[in-house]
Protein backbone atom coordinates (compact mmCIF):
# COMPACT_ATOMS: atom_id res chain seq x y z
CA MET A 1 -38.01 140.10 30.16
CA SER A 2 -39.50 137.27 28.70
CA VAL A 3 -41.05 135.29 30.92
CA ALA A 4 -41.12 132.05 28.99
CA SER A 5 -37.51 132.09 27.92
CA GLY A 6 -36.58 128.60 26.58
CA GLN A 7 -40.69 127.58 26.66
CA SER A 8 -42.09 125.81 23.48
CA SER A 9 -45.38 127.70 22.35
CA VAL A 10 -48.19 128.10 20.53
CA LEU A 11 -48.74 131.76 19.46
CA ILE A 12 -52.21 132.93 18.98
CA LEU A 13 -52.53 135.89 16.76
CA ASP A 14 -55.52 137.81 17.49
CA PHE A 15 -58.04 139.20 15.00
CA GLY A 16 -60.14 140.87 17.71
CA SER A 17 -62.40 138.10 19.08
CA GLN A 18 -64.04 138.76 22.46
CA TYR A 19 -63.02 135.08 23.08
CA THR A 20 -59.26 135.31 22.22
CA GLN A 21 -58.41 135.63 25.80
CA LEU A 22 -60.21 132.17 26.00
CA ILE A 23 -58.10 130.12 23.91
CA ALA A 24 -55.17 131.37 25.83
CA ARG A 25 -56.65 130.14 28.67
CA ARG A 26 -58.03 126.94 27.88
CA LEU A 27 -54.29 126.19 26.30
CA ARG A 28 -52.55 127.37 29.70
CA GLU A 29 -54.90 124.90 31.62
CA LEU A 30 -54.09 122.11 29.46
CA GLU A 31 -50.07 123.07 30.69
CA VAL A 32 -49.25 124.12 26.84
CA TYR A 33 -47.56 127.52 27.22
CA CYS A 34 -49.25 129.97 24.75
CA GLU A 35 -48.97 133.90 24.17
CA ILE A 36 -51.39 136.18 22.32
CA LEU A 37 -49.69 138.61 19.79
CA PRO A 38 -51.57 141.20 17.29
CA PHE A 39 -52.48 139.92 13.95
CA ASP A 40 -49.79 141.61 12.22
CA THR A 41 -46.90 140.54 14.51
CA SER A 42 -43.69 140.04 12.01
CA VAL A 43 -42.56 136.82 11.04
CA GLU A 44 -38.95 137.67 12.85
CA ARG A 45 -40.65 138.26 16.03
CA ILE A 46 -43.14 135.24 15.66
CA LEU A 47 -40.07 132.89 15.31
CA SER A 48 -38.09 134.90 18.36
CA ARG A 49 -40.90 133.14 20.80
CA ARG A 50 -39.89 129.52 19.25
CA PRO A 51 -43.05 128.62 18.41
CA LYS A 52 -44.45 124.96 17.71
CA GLY A 53 -47.62 126.55 15.92
CA LEU A 54 -50.03 129.51 15.13
CA ILE A 55 -53.57 129.84 15.93
CA LEU A 56 -55.79 132.69 13.97
CA SER A 57 -58.43 133.73 16.43
CA GLY A 58 -61.84 134.63 15.39
CA GLY A 59 -62.97 138.22 14.89
CA PRO A 60 -66.08 140.69 14.23
CA ASP A 61 -65.17 141.76 10.48
CA SER A 62 -65.40 140.04 7.21
CA VAL A 63 -62.55 138.75 4.98
CA HIS A 64 -64.35 140.81 2.19
CA ARG A 65 -64.16 144.48 3.58
CA GLN A 66 -61.22 145.97 2.23
CA GLY A 67 -58.76 146.60 5.13
CA SER A 68 -59.87 144.43 7.09
CA PRO A 69 -57.18 142.54 9.44
CA ARG A 70 -54.71 140.02 7.68
CA PRO A 71 -51.27 138.08 8.78
CA ASP A 72 -48.57 138.44 7.05
CA PRO A 73 -48.55 135.94 3.90
CA ALA A 74 -45.41 134.68 5.34
CA VAL A 75 -46.67 133.03 8.22
CA PHE A 76 -47.85 130.35 6.19
CA GLY A 77 -44.30 129.72 4.73
CA LEU A 78 -42.93 128.86 8.34
CA GLY A 79 -43.77 125.14 8.06
CA LEU A 80 -45.55 125.81 11.47
CA PRO A 81 -49.06 123.92 11.87
CA VAL A 82 -51.80 126.89 11.88
CA LEU A 83 -55.22 126.21 13.26
CA GLY A 84 -58.02 129.16 12.05
CA ILE A 85 -61.22 129.53 14.62
CA CYS A 86 -64.00 131.55 12.54
CA TYR A 87 -62.42 134.27 11.07
CA GLY A 88 -59.05 132.55 11.42
CA MET A 89 -60.64 129.79 9.23
CA GLN A 90 -62.07 132.12 6.90
CA LEU A 91 -58.44 133.49 6.33
CA LEU A 92 -56.97 130.46 5.59
CA THR A 93 -59.52 129.56 3.01
CA THR A 94 -59.47 132.77 1.10
CA LEU A 95 -56.31 133.38 1.35
CA HIS A 96 -55.34 130.13 -0.11
CA GLY A 97 -57.99 130.18 -3.22
CA GLY A 98 -60.96 129.32 -1.81
CA ARG A 99 -64.54 131.09 -1.66
CA VAL A 100 -65.91 132.72 1.42
CA ALA A 101 -69.56 134.50 1.32
CA PRO A 102 -72.03 135.71 3.71
CA ALA A 103 -74.22 133.83 5.28
CA ARG A 104 -78.10 133.76 5.09
CA ARG A 105 -78.10 134.73 7.99
CA ARG A 106 -75.60 135.06 10.81
CA GLU A 107 -75.30 131.99 12.82
CA TYR A 108 -74.96 132.74 16.59
CA GLY A 109 -75.64 129.71 18.99
CA PHE A 110 -75.66 126.02 19.59
CA ALA A 111 -75.21 123.30 16.59
CA ARG A 112 -74.66 119.43 16.39
CA LEU A 113 -71.25 119.16 14.56
CA ARG A 114 -70.90 115.53 12.72
CA VAL A 115 -67.03 114.61 11.84
CA THR A 116 -67.31 113.30 8.15
CA ALA A 117 -63.63 112.20 7.76
CA GLY A 118 -60.68 111.19 10.27
CA ASN A 119 -58.36 113.41 11.36
CA PRO A 120 -55.55 114.15 14.32
CA LEU A 121 -57.56 117.59 15.21
CA PHE A 122 -60.74 115.26 15.86
CA GLU A 123 -58.84 112.13 17.02
CA GLY A 124 -60.65 110.77 20.28
CA LEU A 125 -63.73 112.97 19.91
CA PRO A 126 -67.36 111.85 19.47
CA LYS A 127 -68.37 111.78 15.67
CA THR A 128 -71.19 113.69 16.93
CA MET A 129 -70.95 116.88 19.05
CA GLN A 130 -71.98 120.21 20.24
CA VAL A 131 -70.25 123.57 19.30
CA TRP A 132 -71.16 127.09 19.18
CA MET A 133 -71.12 129.38 16.53
CA SER A 134 -70.79 132.78 15.76
CA HIS A 135 -70.55 134.19 12.36
CA GLY A 136 -71.86 136.05 9.81
CA ASP A 137 -69.42 134.79 6.94
CA SER A 138 -68.53 131.19 5.97
CA ALA A 139 -66.57 128.94 3.48
CA LYS A 140 -68.29 128.13 0.88
CA GLY A 141 -66.16 126.29 -1.47
CA LEU A 142 -62.40 125.25 -0.99
CA GLY A 143 -60.97 125.51 -4.50
CA GLY A 144 -58.90 122.43 -4.97
CA ASN A 145 -56.07 124.32 -2.59
CA GLY A 146 -55.25 121.10 -0.66
CA PHE A 147 -58.37 121.52 2.14
CA LYS A 148 -60.74 118.69 2.48
CA VAL A 149 -64.23 119.09 4.64
CA VAL A 150 -63.76 116.83 7.67
CA ALA A 151 -67.06 118.20 9.73
CA LYS A 152 -70.09 119.69 8.99
CA THR A 153 -73.36 120.62 10.39
CA ASP A 154 -76.57 121.32 9.03
CA THR A 155 -76.24 125.12 8.35
CA ALA A 156 -72.48 124.95 7.67
CA PRO A 157 -71.12 122.11 5.11
CA LEU A 158 -67.57 123.57 5.82
CA ALA A 159 -67.68 123.65 9.38
CA ALA A 160 -64.25 122.31 9.72
CA ILE A 161 -61.16 121.61 7.24
CA ALA A 162 -57.95 120.07 6.92
CA ASP A 163 -54.89 119.99 5.08
CA ALA A 164 -52.91 117.52 6.92
CA SER A 165 -49.64 117.67 4.52
CA ARG A 166 -49.38 121.32 5.44
CA GLY A 167 -50.42 120.95 9.21
CA PHE A 168 -53.34 123.93 8.30
CA TYR A 169 -56.72 123.40 10.36
CA GLY A 170 -59.82 125.54 10.50
CA VAL A 171 -63.10 125.34 12.20
CA GLN A 172 -66.00 127.28 11.83
CA PHE A 173 -67.31 127.43 15.42
CA HIS A 174 -65.46 128.22 19.11
CA PRO A 175 -63.74 125.72 20.61
CA GLU A 176 -62.53 127.84 23.39
CA VAL A 177 -65.46 128.74 24.84
CA ALA A 178 -68.00 126.49 27.38
CA HIS A 179 -70.09 125.87 25.45
CA THR A 180 -68.48 123.67 23.45
CA PRO A 181 -67.96 120.59 25.64
CA GLU A 182 -65.13 119.00 23.56
CA GLY A 183 -63.45 122.35 22.79
CA ALA A 184 -60.56 121.89 25.16
CA ARG A 185 -59.54 118.26 23.76
CA LEU A 186 -59.87 119.62 20.33
CA LEU A 187 -56.95 122.52 21.34
CA GLU A 188 -55.20 119.80 23.27
CA ASN A 189 -55.23 117.76 19.76
CA PHE A 190 -53.78 120.75 18.22
CA ALA A 191 -50.82 121.23 20.65
CA ARG A 192 -49.81 117.94 21.20
CA ARG A 193 -50.71 115.91 18.29
CA ILE A 194 -50.51 118.49 15.50
CA CYS A 195 -47.83 120.83 16.77
CA ARG A 196 -45.82 117.82 18.87
CA LEU A 197 -45.40 119.99 21.81
CA SER A 198 -44.55 117.80 24.90
CA GLN A 199 -43.28 120.40 27.31
CA ARG A 200 -45.49 121.10 30.39
CA TRP A 201 -46.27 124.73 31.34
CA THR A 202 -46.04 124.26 35.56
CA MET A 203 -45.38 126.55 38.24
CA ALA A 204 -42.76 124.63 39.29
CA SER A 205 -41.10 124.81 35.74
CA PHE A 206 -41.78 128.51 35.32
CA LEU A 207 -40.61 129.35 38.97
CA GLU A 208 -36.92 127.73 37.78
CA ARG A 209 -36.83 129.85 34.71
CA SER A 210 -38.33 133.01 35.84
CA VAL A 211 -35.92 133.11 39.08
CA ALA A 212 -32.68 132.52 36.31
CA GLU A 213 -33.89 135.28 34.08
CA ILE A 214 -34.62 138.22 37.04
CA ARG A 215 -31.08 137.49 37.81
CA ARG A 216 -29.80 137.77 34.43
CA SER A 217 -32.14 141.06 34.02
CA VAL A 218 -30.99 142.68 37.42
CA GLY A 219 -27.41 141.59 36.89
CA GLY A 220 -25.90 143.26 40.42
CA GLY A 221 -28.13 145.84 40.50
CA LYS A 222 -30.86 146.68 43.63
CA VAL A 223 -34.45 146.59 43.29
CA VAL A 224 -37.74 148.59 44.51
CA LEU A 225 -40.62 146.68 44.57
CA ALA A 226 -44.39 147.76 45.08
CA LEU A 227 -45.61 146.03 48.19
CA SER A 228 -49.33 146.34 48.51
CA GLY A 229 -50.19 142.98 50.54
CA GLY A 230 -52.13 141.35 47.74
CA VAL A 231 -51.69 138.51 45.92
CA ASP A 232 -49.85 139.79 42.97
CA SER A 233 -47.44 142.02 44.44
CA SER A 234 -46.83 139.39 47.81
CA VAL A 235 -45.65 136.71 44.91
CA ALA A 236 -43.66 138.92 42.79
CA ALA A 237 -41.89 140.05 45.92
CA ALA A 238 -41.40 136.42 47.09
CA LEU A 239 -40.13 135.45 43.65
CA VAL A 240 -37.69 138.44 43.29
CA HIS A 241 -36.51 138.04 46.82
CA ARG A 242 -35.61 134.60 46.13
CA ALA A 243 -33.61 135.50 43.05
CA VAL A 244 -31.68 138.76 44.27
CA GLY A 245 -31.98 138.47 48.05
CA SER A 246 -31.38 141.43 50.24
CA ARG A 247 -30.79 143.49 47.24
CA LEU A 248 -34.70 143.91 46.99
CA HIS A 249 -35.96 146.43 48.87
CA CYS A 250 -39.68 146.69 49.29
CA VAL A 251 -41.85 150.10 49.49
CA PHE A 252 -45.62 150.43 50.67
CA VAL A 253 -47.02 153.64 49.26
CA ASP A 254 -49.84 155.20 51.89
CA THR A 255 -51.76 157.16 48.99
CA GLY A 256 -54.34 157.66 51.34
CA LEU A 257 -56.75 155.47 49.05
CA LEU A 258 -56.40 152.68 50.97
CA ARG A 259 -58.55 150.60 52.87
CA GLU A 260 -58.94 150.06 56.81
CA GLY A 261 -56.10 147.93 57.96
CA ASP A 262 -54.10 147.65 54.54
CA LEU A 263 -50.61 148.79 56.36
CA GLU A 264 -50.79 146.81 59.45
CA ARG A 265 -51.51 143.72 56.92
CA VAL A 266 -48.33 144.72 54.79
CA ARG A 267 -45.97 145.09 57.80
CA VAL A 268 -47.28 141.45 59.22
CA LEU A 269 -46.76 140.12 55.64
CA ALA A 270 -42.88 141.60 55.10
CA LYS A 271 -42.02 140.15 58.31
CA THR A 272 -43.52 136.57 57.40
CA LEU A 273 -41.60 136.60 54.07
CA GLY A 274 -38.56 138.16 55.54
CA LEU A 275 -38.63 141.05 53.58
CA SER A 276 -37.35 144.93 54.04
CA LEU A 277 -40.00 147.10 53.55
CA LYS A 278 -40.26 151.11 53.88
CA VAL A 279 -43.33 153.05 54.06
CA ALA A 280 -44.02 156.29 51.85
CA ARG A 281 -46.38 158.05 53.37
CA ALA A 282 -47.76 160.36 50.13
CA SER A 283 -51.32 160.78 50.74
CA GLY A 284 -51.41 164.17 50.34
CA THR A 285 -49.58 164.16 47.02
CA PHE A 286 -52.24 161.74 45.71
CA LEU A 287 -55.34 163.49 47.19
CA LYS A 288 -54.08 166.92 45.89
CA ARG A 289 -53.37 165.81 41.88
CA LEU A 290 -56.81 164.02 42.02
CA ALA A 291 -58.41 166.83 43.17
CA CYS A 292 -61.72 167.43 40.88
CA VAL A 293 -60.86 164.88 38.66
CA LYS A 294 -63.74 162.55 37.97
CA ASP A 295 -62.79 160.85 34.60
CA PRO A 296 -61.65 157.42 35.48
CA GLU A 297 -58.75 156.89 32.84
CA ARG A 298 -57.43 160.39 33.97
CA LYS A 299 -57.52 158.79 37.68
CA ARG A 300 -55.66 155.99 36.78
CA LYS A 301 -52.89 157.90 34.68
CA ILE A 302 -52.17 160.28 37.51
CA ILE A 303 -52.26 157.67 40.20
CA GLY A 304 -49.86 155.54 37.84
CA ARG A 305 -47.51 158.76 37.11
CA ALA A 306 -47.38 159.63 40.88
CA PHE A 307 -46.40 155.85 42.00
CA ILE A 308 -43.38 155.93 39.57
CA GLU A 309 -42.46 159.10 41.20
CA VAL A 310 -43.03 158.13 44.61
CA PHE A 311 -40.75 154.81 43.61
CA GLU A 312 -38.14 157.05 41.53
CA ALA A 313 -37.50 158.75 44.75
CA GLU A 314 -37.02 155.69 46.93
CA ALA A 315 -34.89 154.00 44.32
CA ARG A 316 -32.29 156.95 44.41
CA LYS A 317 -32.08 156.64 48.47
CA THR A 318 -31.69 152.78 48.14
CA ARG A 319 -29.67 153.55 45.10
CA ALA A 320 -31.71 150.26 42.87
CA ASP A 321 -32.35 150.68 39.09
CA SER A 322 -34.69 148.29 38.59
CA LEU A 323 -38.53 148.35 39.69
CA ALA A 324 -40.40 144.74 40.27
CA GLN A 325 -44.49 144.80 39.68
CA GLY A 326 -46.97 142.30 39.98
CA THR A 327 -48.22 142.96 36.49
CA LEU A 328 -50.80 140.08 35.08
CA TYR A 329 -51.57 139.14 31.71
CA PRO A 330 -55.23 140.36 32.62
CA ASP A 331 -53.75 143.30 33.09
CA VAL A 332 -51.62 143.69 29.92
CA ILE A 333 -54.89 142.21 27.70
CA GLU A 334 -56.95 144.96 28.97
CA SER A 335 -54.75 147.91 29.28
CA VAL A 336 -52.63 147.64 25.99
CA SER A 337 -53.80 146.70 22.51
CA VAL A 338 -51.71 143.54 22.42
CA LYS A 339 -54.01 141.92 20.95
CA GLY A 340 -54.47 143.66 17.62
CA PRO A 341 -57.65 145.11 16.88
CA SER A 342 -59.11 144.47 20.19
CA ALA A 343 -60.35 147.05 22.39
CA VAL A 344 -58.62 148.36 25.05
CA ILE A 345 -61.02 148.21 28.21
CA LYS A 346 -59.30 150.32 30.62
CA SER A 347 -55.59 151.03 31.98
CA HIS A 348 -53.92 149.70 34.79
CA HIS A 349 -51.79 151.90 37.17
CA ASN A 350 -49.01 149.63 36.44
CA VAL A 351 -49.30 149.20 32.60
CA GLY A 352 -51.01 152.21 30.84
CA GLY A 353 -50.40 154.31 33.89
CA LEU A 354 -46.65 154.47 33.34
CA PRO A 355 -45.02 157.10 31.67
CA LYS A 356 -43.18 156.54 28.65
CA ARG A 357 -39.72 157.94 30.20
CA MET A 358 -38.95 156.00 33.35
CA ARG A 359 -35.35 156.00 35.18
CA LEU A 360 -35.71 152.32 36.43
CA ARG A 361 -35.85 149.31 34.47
CA LEU A 362 -39.20 147.19 34.62
CA VAL A 363 -39.06 143.65 36.07
CA GLU A 364 -42.45 142.11 35.54
CA PRO A 365 -42.30 138.47 36.17
CA LEU A 366 -45.65 137.77 36.60
CA ARG A 367 -46.60 139.74 33.25
CA MET A 368 -47.62 136.57 31.44
CA CYS A 369 -49.39 134.85 34.02
CA PHE A 370 -53.26 134.31 34.91
CA LYS A 371 -54.29 134.89 38.21
CA ASP A 372 -54.68 131.31 39.35
CA GLU A 373 -51.31 130.84 37.97
CA VAL A 374 -49.93 133.18 40.33
CA ARG A 375 -51.63 131.38 43.13
CA SER A 376 -50.33 128.29 42.02
CA LEU A 377 -46.53 129.97 42.16
CA GLY A 378 -47.11 130.90 45.54
CA ARG A 379 -48.17 127.56 46.51
CA ALA A 380 -45.00 126.42 44.91
CA MET A 381 -43.05 128.90 46.96
CA GLY A 382 -44.49 128.06 50.15
CA ILE A 383 -46.58 131.06 50.67
CA SER A 384 -49.37 130.73 53.34
CA GLU A 385 -52.94 130.27 51.74
CA GLU A 386 -54.00 133.59 54.12
CA ILE A 387 -51.81 135.61 51.62
CA LEU A 388 -52.83 133.70 48.18
CA GLY A 389 -56.65 133.79 49.38
CA ALA A 390 -56.90 137.43 49.46
CA HIS A 391 -59.10 139.40 47.53
CA PRO A 392 -57.69 141.24 44.41
CA PHE A 393 -57.18 145.09 45.41
CA PRO A 394 -56.69 147.46 42.02
CA GLY A 395 -53.40 149.65 42.27
CA PRO A 396 -55.51 152.64 42.06
CA GLY A 397 -57.42 151.71 45.27
CA LEU A 398 -60.32 153.31 46.33
CA ALA A 399 -59.90 156.30 43.77
CA ILE A 400 -61.78 154.06 41.31
CA ARG A 401 -64.36 152.68 44.10
CA VAL A 402 -65.22 156.22 45.01
CA LEU A 403 -67.04 157.15 41.55
CA GLY A 404 -66.38 160.82 40.41
CA ALA A 405 -64.31 163.15 42.55
CA VAL A 406 -62.21 162.07 44.75
CA THR A 407 -62.09 163.57 48.48
CA ALA A 408 -60.88 162.62 52.03
CA GLU A 409 -64.16 162.78 53.12
CA ARG A 410 -65.49 160.63 50.30
CA LEU A 411 -62.58 158.15 50.67
CA ALA A 412 -63.64 158.05 54.63
CA VAL A 413 -67.37 157.27 53.73
CA LEU A 414 -66.20 154.27 51.47
CA ARG A 415 -63.61 153.15 53.65
CA ARG A 416 -65.85 152.34 56.81
CA ALA A 417 -68.63 151.00 54.31
CA ASP A 418 -65.81 148.78 52.88
CA ALA A 419 -64.71 147.42 56.10
CA ILE A 420 -68.49 146.50 57.57
CA MET A 421 -68.89 144.70 54.18
CA ARG A 422 -65.81 142.42 54.66
CA CYS A 423 -66.17 141.95 58.37
CA GLU A 424 -69.67 140.69 57.47
CA LEU A 425 -67.96 138.43 54.83
CA ARG A 426 -65.29 136.95 56.97
CA ALA A 427 -67.76 136.24 60.05
CA SER A 428 -70.54 134.48 57.60
CA GLY A 429 -67.50 132.54 55.93
CA TRP A 430 -68.05 134.25 52.39
CA GLN A 431 -65.00 135.74 52.15
CA ALA A 432 -63.33 132.38 51.31
CA LYS A 433 -65.97 131.24 48.93
CA ALA A 434 -66.14 134.79 46.88
CA TRP A 435 -63.32 135.69 44.58
CA GLN A 436 -63.52 139.43 45.34
CA ALA A 437 -65.95 141.65 47.04
CA PHE A 438 -65.94 145.37 48.00
CA ALA A 439 -68.06 148.22 48.08
CA VAL A 440 -68.28 151.34 45.65
CA LEU A 441 -69.64 154.90 46.76
CA LEU A 442 -71.92 156.27 44.19
CA PRO A 443 -72.30 159.52 42.56
CA VAL A 444 -75.61 160.09 43.43
CA LYS A 445 -77.67 160.96 46.53
CA SER A 446 -80.99 159.76 47.45
CA VAL A 447 -83.92 160.38 49.58
CA GLY A 448 -84.49 158.59 52.96
CA VAL A 449 -86.15 158.74 56.05
CA MET A 450 -83.95 158.01 59.30
CA GLY A 451 -85.02 159.00 62.77
CA ASP A 452 -88.48 160.23 61.52
CA GLU A 453 -86.31 162.80 59.36
CA ARG A 454 -85.81 163.47 55.60
CA THR A 455 -82.71 162.78 54.49
CA TYR A 456 -80.75 163.38 51.37
CA GLU A 457 -77.62 161.03 51.38
CA ASN A 458 -74.94 158.86 49.32
CA THR A 459 -75.69 155.49 47.88
CA VAL A 460 -73.25 152.62 48.40
CA ALA A 461 -73.03 149.47 46.12
CA LEU A 462 -71.97 146.30 47.13
CA ARG A 463 -70.08 144.19 44.68
CA CYS A 464 -69.14 140.69 45.00
CA VAL A 465 -68.26 137.78 42.33
CA ASP A 466 -67.13 134.80 41.18
CA SER A 467 -64.47 134.15 39.00
CA VAL A 468 -60.92 131.91 38.34
CA ASP A 469 -58.56 134.54 36.75
CA GLY A 470 -60.51 138.08 36.54
CA MET A 471 -61.29 137.49 32.72
CA THR A 472 -64.89 136.33 32.99
CA ALA A 473 -66.97 136.67 36.25
CA ASP A 474 -70.37 136.26 37.53
CA TRP A 475 -72.26 137.93 40.38
CA THR A 476 -72.13 135.87 43.61
CA ARG A 477 -75.40 134.57 44.96
CA LEU A 478 -75.08 135.81 48.75
CA PRO A 479 -77.69 135.08 50.97
CA TYR A 480 -80.37 137.73 51.78
CA ASP A 481 -79.87 137.70 55.42
CA LEU A 482 -76.17 138.25 55.07
CA LEU A 483 -76.95 141.23 52.49
CA GLN A 484 -79.54 142.77 54.67
CA LYS A 485 -77.19 142.37 57.48
CA MET A 486 -74.66 144.27 55.41
CA SER A 487 -77.17 147.34 54.64
CA SER A 488 -78.54 147.35 57.95
CA ARG A 489 -74.79 148.10 59.40
CA ILE A 490 -73.65 150.27 56.37
CA ILE A 491 -76.99 152.62 56.84
CA SER A 492 -76.61 152.87 60.70
CA GLU A 493 -72.81 153.16 60.95
CA VAL A 494 -71.66 155.12 58.13
CA LYS A 495 -72.56 158.47 58.90
CA GLY A 496 -74.01 159.89 55.15
CA VAL A 497 -75.22 156.84 53.43
CA ASN A 498 -79.02 156.15 53.64
CA ARG A 499 -79.34 153.39 50.83
CA VAL A 500 -77.33 150.62 49.69
CA VAL A 501 -77.89 148.32 46.73
CA TYR A 502 -76.25 145.05 45.26
CA ASP A 503 -74.63 144.45 41.71
CA ILE A 504 -75.66 141.71 39.76
CA SER A 505 -73.61 142.12 36.65
CA SER A 506 -71.36 139.74 34.69
CA LYS A 507 -68.35 140.39 33.39
CA PRO A 508 -68.58 140.69 30.23
CA PRO A 509 -70.78 143.00 29.64
CA ALA A 510 -69.92 144.86 32.97
CA THR A 511 -66.20 144.91 34.65
CA ILE A 512 -65.42 143.73 37.90
CA GLU A 513 -64.72 147.37 39.04
CA TRP A 514 -66.46 150.12 38.44
CA GLU A 515 -64.27 151.96 36.92
């Protein structure tokens, strides 16, 4: 199901940049609908998205390397405006008769950009501005191909180029990163002034289109949905319920991998939203299949397959033929190589963990949304802030927070430690301030002294982060006295734990979850 049917867009062709997702984030913040597609996407698929323009992302490769990623040459004959960023600019240059060569030294960091010629890409922007560079090659000559230099830096005499007659523009720097303060305005100029995209991507407009598309996709059939109580599944449930009413059947799967109080919270949620709810108790199945499994990717895929089996069994009882999920765009980006040569980070149980053959039709109305957009959509449907403010909880549950082998005993230790952490966060007011917080049981033991006796027990790591959409995150600076209270309670109250540590890693380079 296309979540943006009828929505004009800017398409981003990905060449492997670590910043590609940020291009999409910046455009969405500007209410410009965009999608990320592989660099070699066919012209037919591109045209089916009704684009108003194309962005060629950056990438780590060199245009001189044999086999380096290239787009279908026909994309330049579609009459669409094109913006090339870093590697994308080098492609524009070399594919149109210009010259690209290795820089004398890789340029990485801040630079002062001077706009040297008037053009719509820089309209309304300062003549001199700070930008962020990250490249090894750079354009050295344009070869009389219609391009003109419109901006330069001390080390990059061709820092920005333009061919206004064809609507082709290139920038050697990265406008999508926060280190380029005027970058969002540049992207907005490309979308609004050059691509002439007037439609606004808002959650109110998305809601109307999405309800209609769900009805078209489902037809007169019934839908089964995994209701976990998290933001994603709750908003998806409310959206699908608005589209199909009583034909939606929600299932809460008791996997044995849940936190304290999860089942009770979901029952209250279902009652609040007016949803029918069935509890499927399957903890024995999940724990049996996870026995002795330590690899996180195997865990995710095992859990994904077990989820689908449970849902198919429930669907047969309700005669449902569609499965609705709260899959988000970061799930898709991190699980599947939709971004060309970018690396797969990890599989999500509701994306990479699904079996290739499934009896149910997938309905994923939030598939192209970021987390902050999902919360905005929930507000548009009148969902309470208590639900929308819930911290993310991964589909695989505590299985990916018990590092190493998953057993009922290790789950019990983590479950209690996690409950204590969340209790103290709520009491201190930090639960509402943080984006996500949880405990992790490490597969290591350490020596301690408890009650004048030597102990050799488990280590628990606490993780608390600030984020907007989960694509990037920074560790939360919790007060020392709060951390001390959490540590003291966990060590005192959770049998089998004698050490607590706090994770101060940001994403990137780390991910939010440990597995």
